[in-house]
Amino acid sequence: MSEFDPGEYTIAELGPELKDIEDVDELEAILEAEQEGENRTAAVKLIESRIEKFGEDGDEGGGDGELDPAEMSVADIGNAVRDLEEVEDLEALLEAEESGEDRDSAKNLIQKRIDDLSESDEDEEGEAVEAEAPEERHPDLDHPTNDKRHVRAIDDGTYGDMWVYCETQQGDLLDVSREMLGKARELMDDYNEDYDEAEQVVAVLIGDDVEAHTEECVELGADVVVTAEDDRLERFRHKPYTRIFADMARWGGDPGEGNPDPADWREYDEPRYVLFPATNNGRDLSALVQAELDSGLASDCSGLYIEDAEISNPVKTGEPGTTKTFERILHMKRPDFSGFEYSTILCIDNPHRDFHPQGGSVIPGSFEIPDPDPDREGEVVEWDGDIDDGWFRVEVTDHDVLDEGVDLTGNEVVVAMGRGIGANPTKGMELGIELANCFEEADVGVTRGIVTGSYQFDANVEPYTKEERQIGETGQVIAPDLYIAAGISGAIQHKVGMDDSDVIVSINTDPDARIRDFSDYFIEGDLFDVLPGLIDAVKSGDVSEALAEAAAPGGGGDD
């Protein structure tokens, strides 16, 4: 029986944990443990897919190389057809599927690959794909959205600068706005050096009395600050904020027209890149603005870099069977929905329409706040467009400020509890609370597995298990001096929320738990056995000695 217990992980956490396990016997033991335990359908399928993958890999070199779709999942078929270049082989595979499992999704994958190869053969002379209007492609349909008066995408436009929407709330500039300005400055300094350009960082401030923040924006890295000031913009409003930002981006350009009005400080049609905060208001505004500008958006990003990209997708290249280099592409990294790893999102032009600005929203806490430079100089530009009264048809007559809940960010020590408490949930939480109480500036946090799990807690610990204490991508992002992770596997989504902690101590029964890779100290053991000892050590002042005796070096330390 494998020592790996799949019951300790949510489905999202299980994927990353299985990623490095390639031994079929071990995977089969894990499958058996899942079936004898919680027997979750999604978990069983996930483990079975790994077994199928490496079972097939182990058989490479034997047999005649023919694929049997009856022994493959739909995902396996999707991966396999990518490597098939002969239409005859694909047609044989399609026939086998039709006479066997006859799954529509599998047949569609095979047929699409056949169609792609057939199209490539027809266009092997390299003729570009001709663009067709929607009316030509679908003459039997009405297209009322074609008359929508929004700012349409430009074909072969000119682009420049990185724009940063700097959100304010109740008169204060949010920290995530400061983070984005620092990151934008770093990106554009490298960009200008790599491409021999002199493009700028442009901060955008929309609201009431936002001019008070222009100097700080310049000190944090902005070359230009564009402001829109109006008493009616005191609170975030979807319609006016979207229209104002879109008009700023085109600088007075009319919907569907080519170039913007002349401006002393810019000579391009649209921004090259735009960044928004992944806050409640920022998520709304980013989607609305990018839709208004007829471009794309990568949401909830935690990593950004700019470099060229080699793309072979004929939708992007316009020529099947060719590879094209797209320059100056903003690569936007975000945790994958599967939980396996990060996905990198690209916003790339099509042959007959541009996708600009390349845009993304940034998870708060993803980047460091830069030190302000009081000697930096920048330009402040006032947007002088007209604000339509019709944009304010909805009037906010009254509002309440909700309780902000628990803020873990100001603590020197955070004790985080994970699914390792499963044997005795209440007792596990009590130990975490007791350990936190041993420090002066400390509190307790939890993983998403605790928040969404079906654990039964006694009333004395239940308040500590709520979503307001969740740490990770969809919770709080913290960086305490000391982070103690008890019974936490270390899924990517959780790592996003605590990776910047000065010292990370992790406790886990699995010596190969992913969290070990980014821990300074790793204690192999059951939290119910380890935490009482740590509590005694803290009370007696022997923490360093206790860690030295109990912990092995983690992957994140210098040892």
Protein backbone atom coordinates (compact mmCIF):
# COMPACT_ATOMS: atom_id res chain seq x y z
CA MET A 1 0.00 0.00 0.00
CA SER A 2 1.37 3.44 -0.94
CA GLU A 3 2.14 5.91 1.86
CA PHE A 4 0.52 8.58 -0.29
CA ASP A 5 -3.00 9.23 1.05
CA PRO A 6 -5.19 10.85 -1.64
CA GLY A 7 -7.83 11.57 1.00
CA GLU A 8 -5.62 14.33 2.40
CA TYR A 9 -6.07 16.43 -0.73
CA THR A 10 -8.88 18.21 -2.53
CA ILE A 11 -9.26 17.46 -6.24
CA ALA A 12 -7.41 20.70 -7.07
CA GLU A 13 -4.56 19.79 -4.70
CA LEU A 14 -4.38 16.18 -5.87
CA GLY A 15 -3.34 17.08 -9.42
CA PRO A 16 -0.05 18.80 -8.47
CA GLU A 17 0.79 16.03 -6.01
CA LEU A 18 0.41 13.37 -8.69
CA LYS A 19 2.38 15.30 -11.27
CA ASP A 20 5.77 13.88 -10.26
CA ILE A 21 4.59 10.30 -9.70
CA GLU A 22 5.26 8.19 -12.80
CA ASP A 23 5.49 4.70 -11.32
CA VAL A 24 2.42 2.73 -12.42
CA ASP A 25 2.51 0.41 -9.39
CA GLU A 26 2.53 3.37 -7.02
CA LEU A 27 -0.28 5.03 -8.93
CA GLU A 28 -2.35 1.85 -8.77
CA ALA A 29 -1.80 1.73 -5.00
CA ILE A 30 -2.98 5.33 -4.73
CA LEU A 31 -6.03 4.46 -6.82
CA GLU A 32 -6.81 1.57 -4.50
CA ALA A 33 -6.48 3.88 -1.47
CA GLU A 34 -8.89 6.38 -3.02
CA GLN A 35 -11.44 3.69 -3.89
CA GLU A 36 -11.28 2.26 -0.38
CA GLY A 37 -11.50 5.75 1.14
CA GLU A 38 -13.53 8.69 -0.18
CA ASN A 39 -13.93 7.14 -3.66
CA ARG A 40 -14.47 10.49 -5.38
CA THR A 41 -15.30 10.08 -9.06
CA ALA A 42 -13.11 13.00 -10.19
CA ALA A 43 -10.16 11.77 -8.14
CA VAL A 44 -10.49 8.23 -9.49
CA LYS A 45 -10.55 9.51 -13.07
CA LEU A 46 -7.54 11.73 -12.40
CA ILE A 47 -5.48 8.84 -11.03
CA GLU A 48 -6.64 6.48 -13.78
CA SER A 49 -5.56 8.99 -16.43
CA ARG A 50 -2.05 9.00 -14.95
CA ILE A 51 -1.99 5.21 -14.94
CA GLU A 52 -3.12 5.10 -18.57
CA LYS A 53 -0.51 7.68 -19.57
CA PHE A 54 2.48 5.93 -18.05
CA GLY A 55 1.17 2.46 -18.76
CA GLU A 56 1.15 3.38 -22.45
CA ASP A 57 4.55 5.08 -22.17
CA GLY A 58 5.98 1.87 -20.74
CA ASP A 59 4.71 -0.08 -23.73
CA GLU A 60 6.44 2.16 -26.28
CA GLY A 61 8.56 0.25 -28.70
CA GLY A 62 6.40 -2.84 -28.59
CA GLY A 63 3.57 -3.92 -30.85
CA ASP A 64 2.84 -2.40 -34.22
CA GLY A 65 2.19 1.12 -32.89
CA GLU A 66 -1.50 1.08 -33.73
CA LEU A 67 -3.81 2.98 -31.37
CA ASP A 68 -6.82 1.28 -29.83
CA PRO A 69 -9.33 4.00 -28.90
CA ALA A 70 -11.27 1.54 -26.73
CA GLU A 71 -8.33 1.54 -24.30
CA MET A 72 -7.95 5.34 -24.30
CA SER A 73 -9.74 8.17 -22.56
CA VAL A 74 -10.94 11.12 -24.64
CA ALA A 75 -8.06 13.19 -23.24
CA ASP A 76 -5.59 10.48 -24.33
CA ILE A 77 -7.05 10.51 -27.83
CA GLY A 78 -6.74 14.30 -27.95
CA ASN A 79 -3.05 14.05 -27.06
CA ALA A 80 -2.40 11.16 -29.44
CA VAL A 81 -3.89 12.72 -32.57
CA ARG A 82 -1.55 15.70 -32.30
CA ASP A 83 1.33 13.41 -33.27
CA LEU A 84 -0.45 11.78 -36.21
CA GLU A 85 0.40 13.40 -39.54
CA GLU A 86 -1.22 10.93 -41.97
CA VAL A 87 -4.91 11.34 -42.78
CA GLU A 88 -5.16 7.59 -43.48
CA ASP A 89 -4.06 6.78 -39.92
CA LEU A 90 -6.57 9.22 -38.48
CA GLU A 91 -9.38 7.84 -40.63
CA ALA A 92 -8.55 4.32 -39.38
CA LEU A 93 -8.64 5.60 -35.80
CA LEU A 94 -11.98 7.30 -36.44
CA GLU A 95 -13.42 4.09 -37.90
CA ALA A 96 -12.21 2.14 -34.86
CA GLU A 97 -13.87 4.64 -32.52
CA GLU A 98 -17.15 4.53 -34.46
CA SER A 99 -17.22 0.74 -34.34
CA GLY A 100 -16.24 0.68 -30.67
CA GLU A 101 -17.00 3.26 -27.96
CA ASP A 102 -18.52 5.69 -30.50
CA ARG A 103 -17.98 8.74 -28.28
CA ASP A 104 -18.98 12.02 -29.91
CA SER A 105 -16.24 14.01 -28.17
CA ALA A 106 -13.56 11.54 -29.30
CA LYS A 107 -14.85 11.48 -32.87
CA ASN A 108 -14.90 15.28 -32.97
CA LEU A 109 -11.25 15.44 -31.91
CA ILE A 110 -10.18 12.97 -34.58
CA GLN A 111 -12.27 14.62 -37.28
CA LYS A 112 -10.90 18.07 -36.42
CA ARG A 113 -7.35 16.77 -36.83
CA ILE A 114 -8.30 15.27 -40.19
CA ASP A 115 -9.80 18.59 -41.29
CA ASP A 116 -6.72 20.52 -40.15
CA LEU A 117 -4.35 18.26 -42.10
CA SER A 118 -6.58 18.33 -45.17
CA GLU A 119 -6.67 22.13 -45.06
CA SER A 120 -2.88 22.24 -44.72
CA ASP A 121 -2.52 20.04 -47.83
CA GLU A 122 -4.80 22.32 -49.82
CA ASP A 123 -2.82 25.40 -48.76
CA GLU A 124 0.66 23.88 -48.96
CA GLU A 125 1.75 26.59 -51.38
CA GLY A 126 1.52 29.03 -48.45
CA GLU A 127 -1.40 31.13 -49.60
CA ALA A 128 -2.74 33.31 -46.81
CA VAL A 129 -6.18 32.65 -45.40
CA GLU A 130 -8.66 35.20 -46.66
CA ALA A 131 -10.75 36.94 -44.04
CA GLU A 132 -14.51 36.69 -44.36
CA ALA A 133 -17.06 38.97 -42.80
CA PRO A 134 -19.61 37.27 -40.50
CA GLU A 135 -22.34 37.95 -43.07
CA GLU A 136 -20.36 36.01 -45.69
CA ARG A 137 -19.66 33.07 -43.42
CA HIS A 138 -23.24 32.87 -42.13
CA PRO A 139 -25.57 34.50 -44.69
CA ASP A 140 -28.63 32.95 -43.05
CA LEU A 141 -28.09 34.71 -39.70
CA ASP A 142 -28.75 38.23 -38.51
CA HIS A 143 -25.84 40.02 -36.85
CA PRO A 144 -27.20 42.86 -34.74
CA THR A 145 -23.92 43.16 -32.81
CA ASN A 146 -22.21 44.37 -35.97
CA ASP A 147 -23.97 47.68 -35.42
CA LYS A 148 -22.80 48.01 -31.82
CA ARG A 149 -21.10 51.37 -31.36
CA HIS A 150 -18.04 50.34 -29.42
CA VAL A 151 -14.39 51.04 -30.12
CA ARG A 152 -13.62 48.37 -32.67
CA ALA A 153 -10.32 46.58 -33.06
CA ILE A 154 -7.78 48.25 -35.30
CA ASP A 155 -6.17 46.50 -38.24
CA ASP A 156 -2.44 47.21 -38.45
CA GLY A 157 -2.54 49.94 -35.81
CA THR A 158 0.29 51.62 -33.93
CA TYR A 159 0.76 50.86 -30.25
CA GLY A 160 2.92 52.05 -27.40
CA ASP A 161 3.46 52.23 -23.65
CA MET A 162 2.21 50.16 -20.72
CA TRP A 163 -0.88 51.59 -19.02
CA VAL A 164 -1.67 50.87 -15.38
CA TYR A 165 -5.10 51.50 -13.91
CA CYS A 166 -4.38 52.76 -10.38
CA GLU A 167 -7.41 52.02 -8.26
CA THR A 168 -8.33 54.15 -5.27
CA GLN A 169 -10.83 53.42 -2.53
CA GLN A 170 -12.15 56.00 -0.09
CA GLY A 171 -9.46 58.41 -1.23
CA ASP A 172 -6.52 56.02 -0.76
CA LEU A 173 -4.33 54.47 -3.45
CA LEU A 174 -4.46 50.67 -3.13
CA ASP A 175 -1.24 48.76 -2.52
CA VAL A 176 -1.87 46.62 -5.60
CA SER A 177 -1.73 49.82 -7.68
CA ARG A 178 1.70 50.52 -6.23
CA GLU A 179 2.78 46.94 -6.97
CA MET A 180 1.68 47.20 -10.61
CA LEU A 181 3.49 50.51 -11.12
CA GLY A 182 6.71 48.99 -9.83
CA LYS A 183 6.34 45.91 -12.02
CA ALA A 184 5.41 48.02 -15.05
CA ARG A 185 8.52 50.15 -14.54
CA GLU A 186 10.67 47.01 -14.39
CA LEU A 187 9.03 45.51 -17.49
CA MET A 188 9.31 48.65 -19.60
CA ASP A 189 12.92 49.32 -18.60
CA ASP A 190 13.80 45.83 -19.87
CA TYR A 191 11.53 46.28 -22.91
CA ASN A 192 13.20 49.55 -23.93
CA GLU A 193 16.64 47.98 -23.62
CA ASP A 194 15.70 44.80 -25.51
CA TYR A 195 13.88 46.56 -28.36
CA ASP A 196 15.82 49.84 -28.40
CA GLU A 197 12.69 51.86 -27.68
CA ALA A 198 11.72 54.68 -25.34
CA GLU A 199 8.19 53.66 -24.40
CA GLN A 200 6.63 54.79 -21.15
CA VAL A 201 4.65 53.71 -18.11
CA VAL A 202 1.30 55.51 -18.03
CA ALA A 203 -0.70 55.60 -14.79
CA VAL A 204 -4.46 56.12 -15.08
CA LEU A 205 -6.42 57.73 -12.22
CA ILE A 206 -10.20 58.05 -12.43
CA GLY A 207 -12.33 59.40 -9.60
CA ASP A 208 -12.85 62.33 -7.26
CA ASP A 209 -9.74 64.17 -5.97
CA VAL A 210 -7.40 61.62 -7.60
CA GLU A 211 -4.93 64.33 -8.57
CA ALA A 212 -3.63 64.03 -5.01
CA HIS A 213 -2.01 60.73 -6.05
CA THR A 214 -0.24 61.90 -9.22
CA GLU A 215 3.05 62.69 -7.49
CA GLU A 216 3.19 59.28 -5.80
CA CYS A 217 2.46 57.52 -9.11
CA VAL A 218 5.44 59.27 -10.69
CA GLU A 219 7.68 58.42 -7.73
CA LEU A 220 6.69 54.75 -8.07
CA GLY A 221 7.59 54.55 -11.76
CA ALA A 222 5.05 56.35 -13.97
CA ASP A 223 6.33 58.62 -16.75
CA VAL A 224 2.86 60.01 -17.47
CA VAL A 225 -0.23 60.19 -15.25
CA VAL A 226 -3.57 60.61 -17.01
CA THR A 227 -6.38 61.80 -14.73
CA ALA A 228 -10.15 62.10 -15.00
CA GLU A 229 -11.58 64.14 -12.16
CA ASP A 230 -15.26 64.65 -11.38
CA ASP A 231 -17.38 64.75 -8.21
CA ARG A 232 -19.71 62.16 -9.71
CA LEU A 233 -16.83 59.69 -9.97
CA GLU A 234 -16.34 59.47 -6.19
CA ARG A 235 -17.60 55.87 -6.24
CA PHE A 236 -16.73 53.27 -8.87
CA ARG A 237 -19.44 53.18 -11.55
CA HIS A 238 -19.30 50.71 -14.42
CA LYS A 239 -20.55 52.86 -17.29
CA PRO A 240 -18.60 56.09 -16.76
CA TYR A 241 -15.35 54.43 -15.71
CA THR A 242 -15.44 52.13 -18.75
CA ARG A 243 -16.26 54.89 -21.21
CA ILE A 244 -13.64 57.23 -19.78
CA PHE A 245 -10.87 54.64 -19.82
CA ALA A 246 -11.73 53.52 -23.37
CA ASP A 247 -11.77 57.14 -24.53
CA MET A 248 -8.42 57.72 -22.87
CA ALA A 249 -7.03 54.66 -24.64
CA ARG A 250 -8.07 56.02 -28.05
CA TRP A 251 -7.68 59.67 -26.96
CA GLY A 252 -10.93 60.85 -28.45
CA GLY A 253 -11.06 58.42 -31.35
CA ASP A 254 -14.60 57.68 -32.54
CA PRO A 255 -15.94 54.09 -32.50
CA GLY A 256 -14.76 52.33 -35.64
CA GLU A 257 -12.42 55.14 -36.70
CA GLY A 258 -8.71 54.77 -37.24
CA ASN A 259 -6.48 57.21 -35.41
CA PRO A 260 -7.00 59.15 -32.20
CA ASP A 261 -6.97 62.91 -31.90
CA PRO A 262 -3.51 64.44 -31.86
CA ALA A 263 -1.81 64.53 -28.45
CA ASP A 264 1.49 66.06 -27.47
CA TRP A 265 2.45 63.19 -25.20
CA ARG A 266 1.64 60.18 -27.43
CA GLU A 267 1.79 59.20 -31.10
CA TYR A 268 0.01 55.84 -31.19
CA ASP A 269 -3.50 54.53 -31.73
CA GLU A 270 -3.85 52.50 -28.53
CA PRO A 271 -1.78 51.38 -25.54
CA ARG A 272 0.42 48.37 -26.21
CA TYR A 273 -0.26 46.85 -22.77
CA VAL A 274 -2.73 47.54 -19.95
CA LEU A 275 -2.74 46.26 -16.37
CA PHE A 276 -5.65 46.29 -13.92
CA PRO A 277 -5.83 45.15 -10.29
CA ALA A 278 -7.65 41.85 -9.73
CA THR A 279 -9.89 43.43 -7.10
CA ASN A 280 -13.68 43.36 -7.23
CA ASN A 281 -13.84 46.68 -9.07
CA GLY A 282 -10.69 46.03 -11.08
CA ARG A 283 -11.99 42.70 -12.39
CA ASP A 284 -15.20 44.37 -13.52
CA LEU A 285 -13.45 47.30 -15.18
CA SER A 286 -10.78 45.21 -16.91
CA ALA A 287 -13.37 42.99 -18.61
CA LEU A 288 -15.55 45.92 -19.63
CA VAL A 289 -12.69 48.03 -21.00
CA GLN A 290 -11.10 45.19 -22.97
CA ALA A 291 -14.48 44.26 -24.44
CA GLU A 292 -15.08 47.92 -25.33
CA LEU A 293 -11.69 48.01 -27.05
CA ASP A 294 -12.41 44.67 -28.76
CA SER A 295 -9.37 42.95 -27.29
CA GLY A 296 -8.64 40.09 -24.86
CA LEU A 297 -7.91 39.76 -21.15
CA ALA A 298 -5.93 37.40 -18.93
CA SER A 299 -7.47 37.58 -15.47
CA ASP A 300 -5.92 36.98 -12.03
CA CYS A 301 -2.27 36.92 -13.10
CA SER A 302 0.64 36.57 -10.70
CA GLY A 303 3.57 36.69 -13.14
CA LEU A 304 4.38 38.94 -16.12
CA TYR A 305 7.21 39.13 -18.65
CA ILE A 306 7.67 40.37 -22.23
CA GLU A 307 9.39 38.42 -24.99
CA ASP A 308 8.86 37.17 -28.55
CA ALA A 309 6.68 34.10 -29.15
CA GLU A 310 6.86 31.43 -31.87
CA ILE A 311 3.31 30.53 -32.95
CA SER A 312 2.19 27.92 -35.51
CA ASN A 313 -1.59 28.18 -35.04
CA PRO A 314 -2.97 28.99 -38.53
CA VAL A 315 -5.63 31.23 -36.95
CA LYS A 316 -2.79 33.49 -35.88
CA THR A 317 -0.28 32.97 -38.70
CA GLY A 318 -2.82 33.03 -41.54
CA GLU A 319 -0.84 30.29 -43.30
CA PRO A 320 -1.36 26.65 -42.31
CA GLY A 321 1.84 24.71 -41.74
CA THR A 322 3.98 27.76 -41.00
CA THR A 323 5.47 29.24 -37.83
CA LYS A 324 5.52 32.96 -37.22
CA THR A 325 7.42 35.04 -34.68
CA PHE A 326 5.24 37.53 -32.82
CA GLU A 327 7.30 40.23 -31.17
CA ARG A 328 6.85 42.08 -27.89
CA ILE A 329 4.23 39.75 -26.44
CA LEU A 330 3.20 40.19 -22.82
CA HIS A 331 3.29 36.74 -21.21
CA MET A 332 0.76 36.60 -18.38
CA LYS A 333 1.08 33.70 -15.93
CA ARG A 334 -1.76 32.49 -13.75
CA PRO A 335 -2.39 29.29 -11.78
CA ASP A 336 -3.95 26.64 -14.00
CA PHE A 337 -7.57 25.68 -13.34
CA SER A 338 -6.47 22.05 -13.08
CA GLY A 339 -4.07 22.88 -10.27
CA PHE A 340 -1.19 21.12 -12.05
CA GLU A 341 0.89 24.18 -12.88
CA TYR A 342 0.84 27.73 -14.17
CA SER A 343 -0.69 28.62 -17.52
CA THR A 344 0.77 31.41 -19.62
CA ILE A 345 -1.80 33.51 -21.47
CA LEU A 346 -0.91 35.40 -24.64
CA CYS A 347 -2.97 38.04 -26.43
CA ILE A 348 -1.85 37.75 -30.07
CA ASP A 349 -3.10 39.49 -33.21
CA ASN A 350 -4.97 37.68 -35.98
CA PRO A 351 -3.99 38.27 -39.62
CA HIS A 352 -6.86 40.68 -40.24
CA ARG A 353 -7.45 42.23 -36.83
CA ASP A 354 -5.30 43.31 -33.92
CA PHE A 355 -5.83 42.32 -30.31
CA HIS A 356 -4.60 45.41 -28.51
CA PRO A 357 -4.13 46.48 -25.85
CA GLN A 358 -2.68 43.22 -24.52
CA GLY A 359 -4.30 43.22 -21.10
CA GLY A 360 -4.32 41.43 -17.79
CA SER A 361 -5.46 41.82 -14.20
CA VAL A 362 -2.97 41.27 -11.36
CA ILE A 363 -3.63 39.44 -8.09
CA PRO A 364 -2.86 41.74 -5.14
CA GLY A 365 0.36 40.76 -3.42
CA SER A 366 1.95 39.27 -6.54
CA PHE A 367 4.73 41.86 -6.73
CA GLU A 368 6.74 43.93 -4.29
CA ILE A 369 5.87 47.57 -3.66
CA PRO A 370 8.81 49.62 -4.96
CA ASP A 371 10.59 52.26 -2.95
CA PRO A 372 9.41 55.70 -4.13
CA ASP A 373 11.95 57.87 -5.89
CA PRO A 374 11.22 61.52 -5.00
CA ASP A 375 13.65 62.70 -7.71
CA ARG A 376 11.68 61.12 -10.57
CA GLU A 377 9.92 63.52 -12.92
CA GLY A 378 6.80 62.86 -14.94
CA GLU A 379 4.01 64.51 -16.87
CA VAL A 380 0.43 64.89 -15.66
CA VAL A 381 -2.24 64.95 -18.39
CA GLU A 382 -5.86 65.85 -17.72
CA TRP A 383 -8.47 64.00 -19.76
CA ASP A 384 -10.81 66.66 -21.12
CA GLY A 385 -13.56 64.49 -22.59
CA ASP A 386 -17.24 64.98 -21.94
CA ILE A 387 -18.99 62.97 -19.24
CA ASP A 388 -22.52 62.08 -20.31
CA ASP A 389 -25.22 62.46 -17.66
CA GLY A 390 -26.79 59.33 -19.11
CA TRP A 391 -23.88 57.31 -17.72
CA PHE A 392 -25.25 57.96 -14.22
CA ARG A 393 -28.80 56.72 -14.67
CA VAL A 394 -28.37 54.50 -11.61
CA GLU A 395 -27.98 56.58 -8.48
CA VAL A 396 -26.50 55.29 -5.22
CA THR A 397 -28.61 56.87 -2.50
CA ASP A 398 -27.01 55.16 0.51
CA HIS A 399 -24.42 52.54 1.34
CA ASP A 400 -22.87 50.70 4.27
CA VAL A 401 -19.23 49.80 4.69
CA LEU A 402 -19.09 46.09 5.46
CA ASP A 403 -16.87 44.66 8.16
CA GLU A 404 -13.54 43.92 6.50
CA GLY A 405 -13.26 40.69 8.46
CA VAL A 406 -9.93 39.24 9.54
CA ASP A 407 -6.79 40.82 8.13
CA LEU A 408 -3.84 38.44 8.41
CA THR A 409 -1.41 40.68 6.56
CA GLY A 410 -0.22 42.65 9.59
CA ASN A 411 0.89 39.68 11.68
CA GLU A 412 4.50 38.76 12.33
CA VAL A 413 3.54 35.09 12.67
CA VAL A 414 0.79 33.12 10.94
CA VAL A 415 -0.08 29.52 11.78
CA ALA A 416 -1.91 27.94 8.82
CA MET A 417 -3.91 24.75 9.11
CA GLY A 418 -4.62 22.34 6.27
CA ARG A 419 -6.38 19.07 5.60
CA GLY A 420 -3.94 17.24 7.85
CA ILE A 421 -6.35 17.99 10.72
CA GLY A 422 -8.75 15.39 9.26
CA ALA A 423 -8.29 12.80 12.03
CA ASN A 424 -9.65 15.24 14.63
CA PRO A 425 -10.62 18.57 13.06
CA THR A 426 -11.49 20.43 16.26
CA LYS A 427 -8.38 19.25 18.10
CA GLY A 428 -6.19 20.17 15.13
CA MET A 429 -7.58 23.71 15.04
CA GLU A 430 -7.21 24.03 18.81
CA LEU A 431 -3.52 23.19 18.52
CA GLY A 432 -3.05 25.79 15.79
CA ILE A 433 -4.82 28.45 17.85
CA GLU A 434 -2.79 27.60 20.95
CA LEU A 435 0.46 27.87 18.99
CA ALA A 436 -0.54 31.25 17.54
CA ASN A 437 -1.43 32.51 21.02
CA CYS A 438 2.15 31.84 22.11
CA PHE A 439 3.31 34.79 19.96
CA GLU A 440 2.50 38.48 20.43
CA GLU A 441 1.59 39.40 16.83
CA ALA A 442 0.12 36.19 15.44
CA ASP A 443 -3.07 34.71 14.07
CA VAL A 444 -4.47 31.56 12.45
CA GLY A 445 -5.16 31.03 8.75
CA VAL A 446 -6.52 28.07 6.77
CA THR A 447 -6.34 26.56 3.30
CA ARG A 448 -9.22 26.40 0.85
CA GLY A 449 -9.56 22.69 1.68
CA ILE A 450 -10.64 23.62 5.22
CA VAL A 451 -13.09 26.28 4.02
CA THR A 452 -14.80 24.07 1.44
CA GLY A 453 -14.42 20.71 3.20
CA SER A 454 -17.12 18.88 5.10
CA TYR A 455 -15.37 18.95 8.46
CA GLN A 456 -17.40 19.17 11.67
CA PHE A 457 -15.98 21.72 14.13
CA ASP A 458 -16.94 22.59 17.68
CA ALA A 459 -18.21 26.12 18.25
CA ASN A 460 -14.99 27.29 19.93
CA VAL A 461 -12.89 26.83 16.76
CA GLU A 462 -15.45 27.25 13.98
CA PRO A 463 -14.83 31.04 13.56
CA TYR A 464 -11.21 30.22 12.69
CA THR A 465 -12.26 28.04 9.73
CA LYS A 466 -14.17 30.65 7.72
CA GLU A 467 -13.34 31.95 4.26
CA GLU A 468 -12.16 35.28 5.68
CA ARG A 469 -9.07 33.44 6.98
CA GLN A 470 -8.30 31.61 3.74
CA ILE A 471 -4.75 32.01 2.43
CA GLY A 472 -3.97 31.62 -1.26
CA GLU A 473 -4.88 32.75 -4.75
CA THR A 474 -8.56 33.24 -3.90
CA GLY A 475 -7.88 34.34 -0.33
CA GLN A 476 -5.36 36.56 1.42
CA VAL A 477 -1.79 37.08 0.22
CA ILE A 478 0.52 37.47 3.20
CA ALA A 479 4.24 37.75 3.96
CA PRO A 480 4.79 37.31 7.71
CA ASP A 481 8.18 36.93 9.38
CA LEU A 482 7.28 33.33 10.29
CA TYR A 483 4.77 31.08 8.51
CA ILE A 484 3.97 27.72 10.10
CA ALA A 485 2.09 25.38 7.74
CA ALA A 486 0.57 22.39 9.51
CA GLY A 487 -0.86 19.57 7.38
CA ILE A 488 -0.67 21.55 4.12
CA SER A 489 0.46 19.91 0.88
CA GLY A 490 1.61 23.08 -0.90
CA ALA A 491 -0.64 23.37 -3.97
CA ILE A 492 0.16 26.24 -6.32
CA GLN A 493 -3.00 28.11 -5.34
CA HIS A 494 -1.88 28.15 -1.70
CA LYS A 495 1.76 28.93 -2.51
CA VAL A 496 0.66 32.17 -4.21
CA GLY A 497 -0.65 33.40 -0.86
CA MET A 498 2.38 32.78 1.37
CA ASP A 499 5.50 32.30 -0.74
CA ASP A 500 6.99 35.67 0.28
CA SER A 501 7.09 34.78 3.99
CA ASP A 502 10.55 35.31 5.49
CA VAL A 503 10.74 31.89 7.16
CA ILE A 504 8.47 28.96 6.29
CA VAL A 505 8.16 25.97 8.60
CA SER A 506 6.06 23.09 7.28
CA ILE A 507 4.76 19.98 9.01
CA ASN A 508 3.59 17.04 6.93
CA THR A 509 3.50 13.26 7.14
CA ASP A 510 4.58 13.01 3.48
CA PRO A 511 8.36 13.57 3.06
CA ASP A 512 7.77 14.36 -0.61
CA ALA A 513 5.01 16.94 -0.05
CA ARG A 514 5.35 19.80 -2.51
CA ILE A 515 5.48 22.39 0.28
CA ARG A 516 8.90 21.04 1.26
CA ASP A 517 10.32 22.53 -1.94
CA PHE A 518 9.70 26.07 -0.72
CA SER A 519 10.07 25.59 3.05
CA ASP A 520 13.04 26.71 5.12
CA TYR A 521 12.34 23.96 7.69
CA PHE A 522 10.41 20.77 7.04
CA ILE A 523 9.21 18.52 9.86
CA GLU A 524 8.13 15.06 8.78
CA GLY A 525 5.41 14.01 11.17
CA ASP A 526 1.79 14.20 12.22
CA LEU A 527 0.74 17.69 13.27
CA PHE A 528 -1.03 16.18 16.31
CA ASP A 529 2.37 14.94 17.50
CA VAL A 530 4.52 17.87 16.36
CA LEU A 531 2.49 20.93 17.38
CA PRO A 532 2.41 20.16 21.14
CA GLY A 533 6.21 20.02 21.11
CA LEU A 534 6.44 23.31 19.23
CA ILE A 535 4.03 24.93 21.69
CA ASP A 536 6.20 23.83 24.62
CA ALA A 537 9.33 25.04 22.81
CA VAL A 538 7.86 28.50 22.15
CA LYS A 539 6.71 28.85 25.74
CA SER A 540 10.17 27.90 27.01
CA GLY A 541 12.01 30.01 24.45
CA ASP A 542 13.73 27.06 22.78
CA VAL A 543 12.19 27.38 19.30
CA SER A 544 15.45 27.41 17.32
CA GLU A 545 16.78 24.41 19.19
CA ALA A 546 13.51 22.52 18.75
CA LEU A 547 13.46 23.21 15.01
CA ALA A 548 17.09 22.18 14.64
CA GLU A 549 16.32 18.84 16.28
CA ALA A 550 12.99 18.10 14.60
CA ALA A 551 13.28 19.63 11.14
CA ALA A 552 15.02 18.63 7.97
CA PRO A 553 16.10 21.36 5.55
CA GLY A 554 13.41 22.41 3.12
CA GLY A 555 13.96 23.25 -0.52
CA GLY A 556 13.56 26.96 0.12
CA GLY A 557 16.43 27.41 2.55
CA ASP A 558 20.15 27.88 2.09
CA ASP A 559 21.07 24.61 3.88
